[in-house]
Amino acid sequence: MNETFKRLVCLLAALALAGCSGGSEEPPLKGAAIGGPFTLTDQDGRPATESDFAGRYRIMYFGFTHCPDVCPTDLAVIGQALRRFEKSDPGRAARVIPIFVSVDPERDTPAVLKEYVAAFHPRLLGLTGTAQQVAETAKRYGVYYGREAGAGGGYNVNHSRLAELIGPKGEPIALLPYDKGAEALAVELDRWVR
């Protein structure tokens, strides 16, 4: 069993246990082996590391700009949810940074990312890197991805679909329910962001 698959299984087990906890305020992902150090490049071409976000909550979402439907839909929900949270509690919302990590570094250059993320939220940060940097980061966050041949010699990237809330000390907190809409996601931000 490869390490990424093990992390994904642990993540799903943590969620299942959280669903049985009867509304406990313990974060569902408390103690999960998710996250950790990374070195990537931001949408402005500057180095970005995990330590750059210390003291802030992070919404970590992995995808790619050529994604035909899933990524733009999920990022739109994340952007809408963050706007709702900003409206209801600007102080706490300012502590949240949404991060989009590309799993397609070959096509997703910083310039491509900069244009793409601007469509979803003004504070959405796009990160990319070398193929090795992206692979290491995805593995630490329990994200699977792989290239698939496409029509006309092109390719698509199949990837797991997770929006992870990471705390100010780098601790995993919860998976965010992007699939339930902006209101549900905003409620979860309100629940966990202190």
N, C-alpha and C. Protein backbone atom coordinates (compact mmCIF):
# COMPACT_ATOMS: atom_id res chain seq x y z
N MET A 1 0.87 -1.17 0.00
CA MET A 1 0.00 0.00 0.00
C MET A 1 0.91 1.23 0.00
N ASN A 2 0.73 2.14 -0.99
CA ASN A 2 1.61 3.31 -1.03
C ASN A 2 1.23 4.33 0.03
N GLU A 3 2.18 5.22 0.34
CA GLU A 3 2.02 6.17 1.44
C GLU A 3 0.83 7.11 1.24
N THR A 4 0.60 7.59 0.01
CA THR A 4 -0.52 8.49 -0.26
C THR A 4 -1.84 7.79 0.01
N PHE A 5 -1.94 6.53 -0.41
CA PHE A 5 -3.16 5.78 -0.18
C PHE A 5 -3.38 5.57 1.31
N LYS A 6 -2.32 5.28 2.06
CA LYS A 6 -2.43 5.11 3.51
C LYS A 6 -2.96 6.39 4.17
N ARG A 7 -2.44 7.53 3.74
CA ARG A 7 -2.88 8.80 4.31
C ARG A 7 -4.36 9.04 4.01
N LEU A 8 -4.78 8.72 2.79
CA LEU A 8 -6.18 8.90 2.41
C LEU A 8 -7.09 7.99 3.24
N VAL A 9 -6.67 6.75 3.47
CA VAL A 9 -7.44 5.83 4.29
C VAL A 9 -7.55 6.36 5.71
N CYS A 10 -6.44 6.88 6.26
CA CYS A 10 -6.46 7.46 7.62
C CYS A 10 -7.38 8.66 7.67
N LEU A 11 -7.36 9.47 6.65
CA LEU A 11 -8.21 10.66 6.58
C LEU A 11 -9.68 10.25 6.58
N LEU A 12 -10.03 9.27 5.78
CA LEU A 12 -11.42 8.82 5.72
C LEU A 12 -11.84 8.16 7.03
N ALA A 13 -10.94 7.42 7.67
CA ALA A 13 -11.26 6.81 8.96
C ALA A 13 -11.50 7.89 10.02
N ALA A 14 -10.69 8.95 9.99
CA ALA A 14 -10.87 10.05 10.95
C ALA A 14 -12.23 10.71 10.75
N LEU A 15 -12.63 10.86 9.51
CA LEU A 15 -13.94 11.47 9.22
C LEU A 15 -15.07 10.57 9.69
N ALA A 16 -14.93 9.27 9.49
CA ALA A 16 -15.97 8.35 9.93
C ALA A 16 -16.11 8.39 11.45
N LEU A 17 -15.00 8.42 12.15
CA LEU A 17 -15.05 8.50 13.61
C LEU A 17 -15.65 9.82 14.06
N ALA A 18 -15.32 10.90 13.36
CA ALA A 18 -15.87 12.22 13.72
C ALA A 18 -17.38 12.23 13.56
N GLY A 19 -17.88 11.52 12.56
CA GLY A 19 -19.32 11.46 12.37
C GLY A 19 -20.03 10.73 13.49
N CYS A 20 -19.32 9.90 14.25
CA CYS A 20 -19.91 9.14 15.35
C CYS A 20 -19.68 9.81 16.70
N SER A 21 -19.08 10.97 16.72
CA SER A 21 -18.67 11.55 17.99
C SER A 21 -19.76 12.34 18.69
N GLY A 22 -20.94 12.45 18.09
CA GLY A 22 -22.04 13.11 18.75
C GLY A 22 -21.86 14.61 18.90
N GLY A 23 -21.22 15.26 17.93
CA GLY A 23 -21.11 16.71 17.93
C GLY A 23 -19.97 17.25 18.78
N SER A 24 -19.00 16.44 19.10
CA SER A 24 -17.84 16.88 19.86
C SER A 24 -17.15 18.03 19.14
N GLU A 25 -16.57 18.93 19.94
CA GLU A 25 -15.86 20.05 19.34
C GLU A 25 -14.40 19.73 19.04
N GLU A 26 -14.01 18.48 19.21
CA GLU A 26 -12.68 18.07 18.79
C GLU A 26 -12.65 18.12 17.26
N PRO A 27 -11.60 18.69 16.69
CA PRO A 27 -11.52 18.69 15.23
C PRO A 27 -11.55 17.27 14.67
N PRO A 28 -12.30 17.04 13.63
CA PRO A 28 -12.40 15.68 13.07
C PRO A 28 -11.07 15.10 12.61
N LEU A 29 -10.14 15.95 12.20
CA LEU A 29 -8.85 15.45 11.71
C LEU A 29 -7.74 15.56 12.75
N LYS A 30 -8.11 15.81 13.99
CA LYS A 30 -7.10 15.95 15.05
C LYS A 30 -6.21 14.71 15.08
N GLY A 31 -4.91 14.94 15.01
CA GLY A 31 -3.95 13.85 15.07
C GLY A 31 -3.70 13.14 13.76
N ALA A 32 -4.43 13.49 12.71
CA ALA A 32 -4.21 12.85 11.41
C ALA A 32 -2.85 13.25 10.84
N ALA A 33 -2.22 12.35 10.13
CA ALA A 33 -0.91 12.62 9.52
C ALA A 33 -1.09 13.33 8.19
N ILE A 34 -1.56 14.58 8.28
CA ILE A 34 -1.84 15.38 7.09
C ILE A 34 -1.11 16.71 7.23
N GLY A 35 -0.48 17.15 6.17
CA GLY A 35 0.20 18.44 6.18
C GLY A 35 1.68 18.28 6.42
N GLY A 36 2.33 19.41 6.62
CA GLY A 36 3.76 19.40 6.85
C GLY A 36 4.47 20.39 5.95
N PRO A 37 5.78 20.39 6.03
CA PRO A 37 6.55 21.38 5.29
C PRO A 37 6.46 21.20 3.78
N PHE A 38 6.50 22.30 3.09
CA PHE A 38 6.58 22.27 1.62
C PHE A 38 7.34 23.50 1.14
N THR A 39 7.87 23.38 -0.05
CA THR A 39 8.51 24.50 -0.73
C THR A 39 7.94 24.53 -2.14
N LEU A 40 7.19 25.58 -2.43
CA LEU A 40 6.57 25.74 -3.75
C LEU A 40 6.84 27.16 -4.24
N THR A 41 6.19 27.53 -5.33
CA THR A 41 6.32 28.87 -5.90
C THR A 41 4.94 29.47 -6.03
N ASP A 42 4.78 30.72 -5.58
CA ASP A 42 3.46 31.34 -5.65
C ASP A 42 3.19 31.93 -7.02
N GLN A 43 1.99 32.46 -7.19
CA GLN A 43 1.53 32.99 -8.48
C GLN A 43 2.32 34.21 -8.95
N ASP A 44 3.12 34.79 -8.07
CA ASP A 44 3.97 35.92 -8.44
C ASP A 44 5.41 35.50 -8.65
N GLY A 45 5.67 34.18 -8.63
CA GLY A 45 7.01 33.67 -8.86
C GLY A 45 7.90 33.67 -7.62
N ARG A 46 7.33 33.93 -6.45
CA ARG A 46 8.11 33.96 -5.22
C ARG A 46 8.05 32.60 -4.52
N PRO A 47 9.12 32.24 -3.81
CA PRO A 47 9.08 30.99 -3.04
C PRO A 47 8.01 31.07 -1.96
N ALA A 48 7.37 29.95 -1.70
CA ALA A 48 6.35 29.87 -0.65
C ALA A 48 6.58 28.58 0.12
N THR A 49 6.60 28.70 1.44
CA THR A 49 6.78 27.53 2.29
C THR A 49 5.65 27.48 3.31
N GLU A 50 5.51 26.34 3.95
CA GLU A 50 4.49 26.17 4.98
C GLU A 50 4.64 27.23 6.06
N SER A 51 5.86 27.56 6.42
CA SER A 51 6.08 28.54 7.50
C SER A 51 5.59 29.94 7.15
N ASP A 52 5.43 30.25 5.87
CA ASP A 52 4.89 31.56 5.46
C ASP A 52 3.46 31.76 5.95
N PHE A 53 2.77 30.67 6.27
CA PHE A 53 1.36 30.74 6.65
C PHE A 53 1.14 30.48 8.14
N ALA A 54 2.23 30.45 8.90
CA ALA A 54 2.12 30.22 10.35
C ALA A 54 1.23 31.30 10.96
N GLY A 55 0.37 30.88 11.86
CA GLY A 55 -0.54 31.80 12.53
C GLY A 55 -1.83 32.05 11.76
N ARG A 56 -1.97 31.42 10.60
CA ARG A 56 -3.17 31.59 9.78
C ARG A 56 -3.79 30.24 9.48
N TYR A 57 -5.09 30.25 9.32
CA TYR A 57 -5.80 29.06 8.86
C TYR A 57 -5.65 28.99 7.35
N ARG A 58 -5.56 27.76 6.83
CA ARG A 58 -5.43 27.57 5.40
C ARG A 58 -6.49 26.62 4.89
N ILE A 59 -7.10 27.00 3.79
CA ILE A 59 -7.95 26.06 3.05
C ILE A 59 -7.06 25.54 1.93
N MET A 60 -6.70 24.27 2.00
CA MET A 60 -5.81 23.67 1.00
C MET A 60 -6.66 22.89 0.00
N TYR A 61 -6.55 23.29 -1.27
CA TYR A 61 -7.27 22.60 -2.34
C TYR A 61 -6.28 22.32 -3.45
N PHE A 62 -6.24 21.08 -3.92
CA PHE A 62 -5.33 20.67 -4.98
C PHE A 62 -6.13 20.43 -6.26
N GLY A 63 -5.64 20.93 -7.38
CA GLY A 63 -6.32 20.76 -8.66
C GLY A 63 -5.45 21.27 -9.78
N PHE A 64 -6.06 21.66 -10.89
CA PHE A 64 -5.28 22.18 -12.01
C PHE A 64 -6.15 23.09 -12.86
N THR A 65 -5.53 24.04 -13.53
CA THR A 65 -6.28 25.08 -14.24
C THR A 65 -6.99 24.57 -15.49
N HIS A 66 -6.55 23.48 -16.06
CA HIS A 66 -7.21 22.94 -17.26
C HIS A 66 -8.36 22.00 -16.90
N CYS A 67 -8.68 21.89 -15.64
CA CYS A 67 -9.77 21.05 -15.18
C CYS A 67 -11.07 21.54 -15.81
N PRO A 68 -11.81 20.67 -16.48
CA PRO A 68 -12.99 21.13 -17.20
C PRO A 68 -14.19 21.49 -16.33
N ASP A 69 -14.32 20.93 -15.13
CA ASP A 69 -15.53 21.22 -14.36
C ASP A 69 -15.36 21.18 -12.85
N VAL A 70 -14.72 20.17 -12.30
CA VAL A 70 -14.66 19.99 -10.85
C VAL A 70 -13.93 21.14 -10.15
N CYS A 71 -12.72 21.43 -10.58
CA CYS A 71 -11.92 22.47 -9.90
C CYS A 71 -12.59 23.84 -9.93
N PRO A 72 -13.04 24.31 -11.09
CA PRO A 72 -13.67 25.63 -11.07
C PRO A 72 -14.94 25.68 -10.23
N THR A 73 -15.70 24.58 -10.22
CA THR A 73 -16.91 24.54 -9.40
C THR A 73 -16.55 24.60 -7.92
N ASP A 74 -15.60 23.78 -7.50
CA ASP A 74 -15.20 23.75 -6.09
C ASP A 74 -14.59 25.08 -5.66
N LEU A 75 -13.74 25.66 -6.49
CA LEU A 75 -13.11 26.93 -6.13
C LEU A 75 -14.14 28.06 -6.06
N ALA A 76 -15.16 28.00 -6.90
CA ALA A 76 -16.22 29.01 -6.83
C ALA A 76 -16.96 28.90 -5.49
N VAL A 77 -17.24 27.67 -5.05
CA VAL A 77 -17.91 27.47 -3.76
C VAL A 77 -17.01 27.96 -2.62
N ILE A 78 -15.74 27.63 -2.67
CA ILE A 78 -14.80 28.08 -1.63
C ILE A 78 -14.76 29.61 -1.59
N GLY A 79 -14.68 30.24 -2.75
CA GLY A 79 -14.67 31.70 -2.80
C GLY A 79 -15.95 32.32 -2.25
N GLN A 80 -17.09 31.74 -2.61
CA GLN A 80 -18.38 32.25 -2.11
C GLN A 80 -18.49 32.08 -0.60
N ALA A 81 -18.05 30.93 -0.10
CA ALA A 81 -18.10 30.66 1.35
C ALA A 81 -17.22 31.64 2.11
N LEU A 82 -16.03 31.90 1.59
CA LEU A 82 -15.13 32.82 2.26
C LEU A 82 -15.72 34.24 2.26
N ARG A 83 -16.37 34.62 1.17
CA ARG A 83 -17.02 35.94 1.13
C ARG A 83 -18.13 36.03 2.19
N ARG A 84 -18.90 34.97 2.36
CA ARG A 84 -19.95 34.96 3.40
C ARG A 84 -19.33 35.10 4.78
N PHE A 85 -18.25 34.37 5.01
CA PHE A 85 -17.58 34.42 6.30
C PHE A 85 -16.97 35.81 6.53
N GLU A 86 -16.41 36.40 5.48
CA GLU A 86 -15.86 37.75 5.58
C GLU A 86 -16.94 38.76 5.95
N LYS A 87 -18.12 38.57 5.40
CA LYS A 87 -19.23 39.48 5.68
C LYS A 87 -19.72 39.33 7.12
N SER A 88 -19.80 38.08 7.61
CA SER A 88 -20.34 37.85 8.95
C SER A 88 -19.31 38.10 10.06
N ASP A 89 -18.03 37.84 9.77
CA ASP A 89 -17.00 38.02 10.79
C ASP A 89 -15.67 38.37 10.12
N PRO A 90 -15.50 39.63 9.71
CA PRO A 90 -14.31 40.02 8.96
C PRO A 90 -12.99 39.74 9.69
N GLY A 91 -12.98 39.89 11.00
CA GLY A 91 -11.75 39.66 11.76
C GLY A 91 -11.26 38.24 11.68
N ARG A 92 -12.14 37.29 11.96
CA ARG A 92 -11.74 35.89 11.88
C ARG A 92 -11.48 35.47 10.44
N ALA A 93 -12.29 35.96 9.53
CA ALA A 93 -12.12 35.59 8.12
C ALA A 93 -10.77 36.05 7.58
N ALA A 94 -10.26 37.15 8.09
CA ALA A 94 -8.96 37.66 7.64
C ALA A 94 -7.83 36.70 8.01
N ARG A 95 -8.08 35.79 8.96
CA ARG A 95 -7.07 34.81 9.37
C ARG A 95 -7.05 33.58 8.47
N VAL A 96 -7.95 33.54 7.48
CA VAL A 96 -8.06 32.38 6.58
C VAL A 96 -7.48 32.74 5.22
N ILE A 97 -6.58 31.90 4.74
CA ILE A 97 -6.07 32.08 3.39
C ILE A 97 -6.40 30.85 2.55
N PRO A 98 -7.14 31.06 1.45
CA PRO A 98 -7.43 29.92 0.57
C PRO A 98 -6.23 29.68 -0.36
N ILE A 99 -5.83 28.43 -0.50
CA ILE A 99 -4.65 28.08 -1.29
C ILE A 99 -5.03 27.01 -2.31
N PHE A 100 -4.68 27.28 -3.56
CA PHE A 100 -4.89 26.34 -4.65
C PHE A 100 -3.53 25.82 -5.09
N VAL A 101 -3.26 24.53 -4.88
CA VAL A 101 -1.99 23.94 -5.28
C VAL A 101 -2.21 23.17 -6.59
N SER A 102 -1.47 23.56 -7.61
CA SER A 102 -1.62 22.88 -8.90
C SER A 102 -0.92 21.53 -8.89
N VAL A 103 -1.61 20.52 -9.41
CA VAL A 103 -1.02 19.20 -9.60
C VAL A 103 -0.62 19.00 -11.06
N ASP A 104 -0.53 20.11 -11.79
CA ASP A 104 -0.13 20.11 -13.20
C ASP A 104 0.94 21.18 -13.42
N PRO A 105 2.11 21.00 -12.80
CA PRO A 105 3.12 22.05 -12.89
C PRO A 105 3.66 22.28 -14.30
N GLU A 106 3.49 21.31 -15.15
CA GLU A 106 3.96 21.47 -16.53
C GLU A 106 3.22 22.60 -17.24
N ARG A 107 1.93 22.70 -17.05
CA ARG A 107 1.14 23.75 -17.71
C ARG A 107 0.84 24.93 -16.79
N ASP A 108 0.76 24.69 -15.49
CA ASP A 108 0.35 25.74 -14.56
C ASP A 108 1.55 26.52 -14.02
N THR A 109 2.01 27.42 -14.83
CA THR A 109 3.09 28.32 -14.44
C THR A 109 2.53 29.36 -13.47
N PRO A 110 3.39 30.11 -12.79
CA PRO A 110 2.88 31.17 -11.93
C PRO A 110 1.96 32.15 -12.66
N ALA A 111 2.31 32.53 -13.86
CA ALA A 111 1.47 33.49 -14.61
C ALA A 111 0.10 32.91 -14.92
N VAL A 112 0.04 31.64 -15.29
CA VAL A 112 -1.24 30.98 -15.56
C VAL A 112 -2.07 30.92 -14.28
N LEU A 113 -1.43 30.55 -13.18
CA LEU A 113 -2.13 30.47 -11.90
C LEU A 113 -2.68 31.83 -11.47
N LYS A 114 -1.88 32.88 -11.65
CA LYS A 114 -2.29 34.21 -11.21
C LYS A 114 -3.61 34.63 -11.88
N GLU A 115 -3.70 34.41 -13.17
CA GLU A 115 -4.92 34.76 -13.89
C GLU A 115 -6.09 33.87 -13.45
N TYR A 116 -5.82 32.60 -13.26
CA TYR A 116 -6.86 31.64 -12.92
C TYR A 116 -7.47 31.91 -11.54
N VAL A 117 -6.63 32.04 -10.51
CA VAL A 117 -7.16 32.18 -9.15
C VAL A 117 -7.90 33.51 -8.95
N ALA A 118 -7.54 34.52 -9.73
CA ALA A 118 -8.20 35.83 -9.60
C ALA A 118 -9.70 35.74 -9.89
N ALA A 119 -10.11 34.72 -10.61
CA ALA A 119 -11.52 34.58 -10.98
C ALA A 119 -12.39 34.09 -9.82
N PHE A 120 -11.77 33.59 -8.74
CA PHE A 120 -12.54 32.95 -7.68
C PHE A 120 -12.59 33.74 -6.37
N HIS A 121 -11.51 34.34 -5.99
CA HIS A 121 -11.47 35.16 -4.76
C HIS A 121 -10.18 35.98 -4.80
N PRO A 122 -10.24 37.25 -4.39
CA PRO A 122 -9.05 38.09 -4.47
C PRO A 122 -7.88 37.62 -3.59
N ARG A 123 -8.18 36.82 -2.56
CA ARG A 123 -7.11 36.33 -1.69
C ARG A 123 -6.70 34.89 -1.98
N LEU A 124 -7.32 34.26 -2.98
CA LEU A 124 -6.95 32.89 -3.33
C LEU A 124 -5.52 32.90 -3.87
N LEU A 125 -4.66 32.11 -3.26
CA LEU A 125 -3.26 32.05 -3.63
C LEU A 125 -3.01 30.79 -4.44
N GLY A 126 -2.38 30.94 -5.59
CA GLY A 126 -2.02 29.80 -6.42
C GLY A 126 -0.58 29.40 -6.17
N LEU A 127 -0.35 28.11 -6.00
CA LEU A 127 1.00 27.59 -5.79
C LEU A 127 1.31 26.50 -6.81
N THR A 128 2.55 26.48 -7.27
CA THR A 128 3.04 25.45 -8.18
C THR A 128 4.48 25.16 -7.78
N GLY A 129 5.17 24.39 -8.58
CA GLY A 129 6.56 24.07 -8.29
C GLY A 129 7.06 23.07 -9.29
N THR A 130 8.18 22.46 -8.98
CA THR A 130 8.68 21.40 -9.84
C THR A 130 7.77 20.19 -9.65
N ALA A 131 7.89 19.23 -10.56
CA ALA A 131 7.09 18.01 -10.44
C ALA A 131 7.37 17.33 -9.10
N GLN A 132 8.62 17.31 -8.66
CA GLN A 132 8.98 16.68 -7.40
C GLN A 132 8.41 17.44 -6.21
N GLN A 133 8.48 18.77 -6.23
CA GLN A 133 7.93 19.57 -5.13
C GLN A 133 6.43 19.36 -4.99
N VAL A 134 5.74 19.35 -6.12
CA VAL A 134 4.28 19.15 -6.10
C VAL A 134 3.96 17.75 -5.59
N ALA A 135 4.69 16.74 -6.06
CA ALA A 135 4.45 15.36 -5.62
C ALA A 135 4.65 15.22 -4.12
N GLU A 136 5.71 15.81 -3.59
CA GLU A 136 5.98 15.73 -2.15
C GLU A 136 4.88 16.43 -1.35
N THR A 137 4.44 17.58 -1.82
CA THR A 137 3.39 18.33 -1.11
C THR A 137 2.08 17.56 -1.14
N ALA A 138 1.71 17.05 -2.30
CA ALA A 138 0.47 16.28 -2.42
C ALA A 138 0.50 15.06 -1.49
N LYS A 139 1.61 14.39 -1.43
CA LYS A 139 1.75 13.22 -0.56
C LYS A 139 1.55 13.61 0.90
N ARG A 140 2.12 14.72 1.32
CA ARG A 140 1.98 15.15 2.72
C ARG A 140 0.53 15.48 3.07
N TYR A 141 -0.23 15.94 2.08
CA TYR A 141 -1.63 16.31 2.32
C TYR A 141 -2.60 15.20 1.95
N GLY A 142 -2.09 14.02 1.65
CA GLY A 142 -2.95 12.87 1.36
C GLY A 142 -3.70 12.99 0.06
N VAL A 143 -3.11 13.69 -0.91
CA VAL A 143 -3.78 13.93 -2.20
C VAL A 143 -3.18 13.01 -3.26
N TYR A 144 -4.05 12.32 -3.96
CA TYR A 144 -3.65 11.49 -5.09
C TYR A 144 -3.84 12.27 -6.38
N TYR A 145 -2.93 12.10 -7.33
CA TYR A 145 -3.15 12.63 -8.68
C TYR A 145 -2.31 11.84 -9.67
N GLY A 146 -2.73 11.86 -10.92
CA GLY A 146 -2.00 11.18 -11.97
C GLY A 146 -2.46 11.64 -13.34
N ARG A 147 -1.54 11.65 -14.26
CA ARG A 147 -1.86 12.05 -15.63
C ARG A 147 -2.53 10.92 -16.38
N GLU A 148 -3.48 11.32 -17.24
CA GLU A 148 -4.17 10.37 -18.11
C GLU A 148 -4.12 10.92 -19.53
N ALA A 149 -3.87 10.04 -20.48
CA ALA A 149 -3.83 10.46 -21.88
C ALA A 149 -5.20 10.99 -22.29
N GLY A 150 -5.18 12.06 -23.06
CA GLY A 150 -6.42 12.65 -23.55
C GLY A 150 -6.48 12.62 -25.06
N ALA A 151 -7.52 13.17 -25.60
CA ALA A 151 -7.71 13.21 -27.06
C ALA A 151 -6.68 14.12 -27.70
N GLY A 152 -6.27 13.78 -28.90
CA GLY A 152 -5.38 14.64 -29.67
C GLY A 152 -3.98 14.76 -29.10
N GLY A 153 -3.54 13.78 -28.32
CA GLY A 153 -2.19 13.82 -27.77
C GLY A 153 -2.06 14.64 -26.49
N GLY A 154 -3.15 15.24 -26.03
CA GLY A 154 -3.11 16.01 -24.80
C GLY A 154 -3.24 15.09 -23.59
N TYR A 155 -3.44 15.68 -22.44
CA TYR A 155 -3.61 14.89 -21.24
C TYR A 155 -4.54 15.59 -20.27
N ASN A 156 -5.07 14.81 -19.36
CA ASN A 156 -5.90 15.29 -18.27
C ASN A 156 -5.23 14.85 -16.97
N VAL A 157 -5.60 15.44 -15.87
CA VAL A 157 -5.04 15.04 -14.58
C VAL A 157 -6.18 14.60 -13.68
N ASN A 158 -6.14 13.34 -13.30
CA ASN A 158 -7.11 12.80 -12.37
C ASN A 158 -6.56 13.06 -10.96
N HIS A 159 -7.40 13.57 -10.05
CA HIS A 159 -6.91 13.87 -8.70
C HIS A 159 -8.01 13.72 -7.67
N SER A 160 -7.58 13.49 -6.43
CA SER A 160 -8.55 13.42 -5.35
C SER A 160 -9.11 14.81 -5.11
N ARG A 161 -10.29 14.85 -4.56
CA ARG A 161 -11.05 16.09 -4.42
C ARG A 161 -11.26 16.37 -2.94
N LEU A 162 -10.39 17.20 -2.37
CA LEU A 162 -10.43 17.51 -0.95
C LEU A 162 -10.21 19.00 -0.73
N ALA A 163 -10.93 19.57 0.19
CA ALA A 163 -10.66 20.93 0.67
C ALA A 163 -10.38 20.78 2.16
N GLU A 164 -9.11 20.89 2.52
CA GLU A 164 -8.68 20.64 3.88
C GLU A 164 -8.49 21.96 4.62
N LEU A 165 -9.04 22.04 5.83
CA LEU A 165 -8.80 23.20 6.68
C LEU A 165 -7.64 22.85 7.59
N ILE A 166 -6.59 23.65 7.50
CA ILE A 166 -5.37 23.47 8.28
C ILE A 166 -5.28 24.64 9.26
N GLY A 167 -4.93 24.35 10.49
CA GLY A 167 -4.90 25.37 11.53
C GLY A 167 -3.64 26.21 11.54
N PRO A 168 -3.59 27.20 12.41
CA PRO A 168 -2.49 28.16 12.45
C PRO A 168 -1.14 27.57 12.84
N LYS A 169 -1.13 26.39 13.44
CA LYS A 169 0.13 25.72 13.77
C LYS A 169 0.44 24.61 12.77
N GLY A 170 -0.32 24.56 11.68
CA GLY A 170 -0.12 23.53 10.67
C GLY A 170 -0.86 22.25 10.95
N GLU A 171 -1.76 22.28 11.94
CA GLU A 171 -2.49 21.07 12.33
C GLU A 171 -3.73 20.88 11.45
N PRO A 172 -3.99 19.64 11.02
CA PRO A 172 -5.21 19.39 10.26
C PRO A 172 -6.43 19.51 11.15
N ILE A 173 -7.46 20.18 10.66
CA ILE A 173 -8.67 20.41 11.45
C ILE A 173 -9.86 19.64 10.89
N ALA A 174 -10.20 19.89 9.62
CA ALA A 174 -11.40 19.27 9.05
C ALA A 174 -11.35 19.28 7.53
N LEU A 175 -12.12 18.39 6.94
CA LEU A 175 -12.40 18.47 5.51
C LEU A 175 -13.61 19.39 5.37
N LEU A 176 -13.53 20.31 4.45
CA LEU A 176 -14.63 21.27 4.26
C LEU A 176 -15.61 20.75 3.23
N PRO A 177 -16.92 20.93 3.48
CA PRO A 177 -17.95 20.35 2.62
C PRO A 177 -18.27 21.20 1.38
N TYR A 178 -17.29 21.37 0.50
CA TYR A 178 -17.50 22.15 -0.73
C TYR A 178 -18.65 21.59 -1.54
N ASP A 179 -18.91 20.29 -1.42
CA ASP A 179 -19.97 19.63 -2.20
C ASP A 179 -21.37 19.95 -1.68
N LYS A 180 -21.47 20.58 -0.51
CA LYS A 180 -22.77 20.94 0.06
C LYS A 180 -23.10 22.41 -0.14
N GLY A 181 -22.24 23.14 -0.83
CA GLY A 181 -22.51 24.54 -1.14
C GLY A 181 -21.80 25.52 -0.22
N ALA A 182 -21.86 26.78 -0.62
CA ALA A 182 -21.14 27.85 0.07
C ALA A 182 -21.61 28.06 1.50
N GLU A 183 -22.92 27.96 1.73
CA GLU A 183 -23.43 28.19 3.08
C GLU A 183 -22.89 27.16 4.06
N ALA A 184 -22.91 25.88 3.67
CA ALA A 184 -22.41 24.82 4.54
C ALA A 184 -20.91 24.99 4.81
N LEU A 185 -20.17 25.38 3.80
CA LEU A 185 -18.75 25.57 3.98
C LEU A 185 -18.47 26.77 4.90
N ALA A 186 -19.24 27.85 4.74
CA ALA A 186 -19.09 29.03 5.60
C ALA A 186 -19.40 28.67 7.06
N VAL A 187 -20.40 27.82 7.28
CA VAL A 187 -20.75 27.38 8.63
C VAL A 187 -19.56 26.64 9.25
N GLU A 188 -18.90 25.79 8.47
CA GLU A 188 -17.74 25.06 8.99
C GLU A 188 -16.58 26.00 9.31
N LEU A 189 -16.37 27.01 8.48
CA LEU A 189 -15.33 27.99 8.78
C LEU A 189 -15.66 28.70 10.10
N ASP A 190 -16.91 29.08 10.26
CA ASP A 190 -17.33 29.74 11.49
C ASP A 190 -17.14 28.83 12.70
N ARG A 191 -17.35 27.53 12.50
CA ARG A 191 -17.22 26.57 13.59
C ARG A 191 -15.77 26.39 14.04
N TRP A 192 -14.82 26.37 13.11
CA TRP A 192 -13.44 25.98 13.45
C TRP A 192 -12.45 27.13 13.54
N VAL A 193 -12.69 28.23 12.86
CA VAL A 193 -11.73 29.33 12.89
C VAL A 193 -11.95 30.13 14.16
N ARG A 194 -10.95 30.22 14.99
CA ARG A 194 -11.05 30.89 16.29
C ARG A 194 -10.56 32.32 16.22
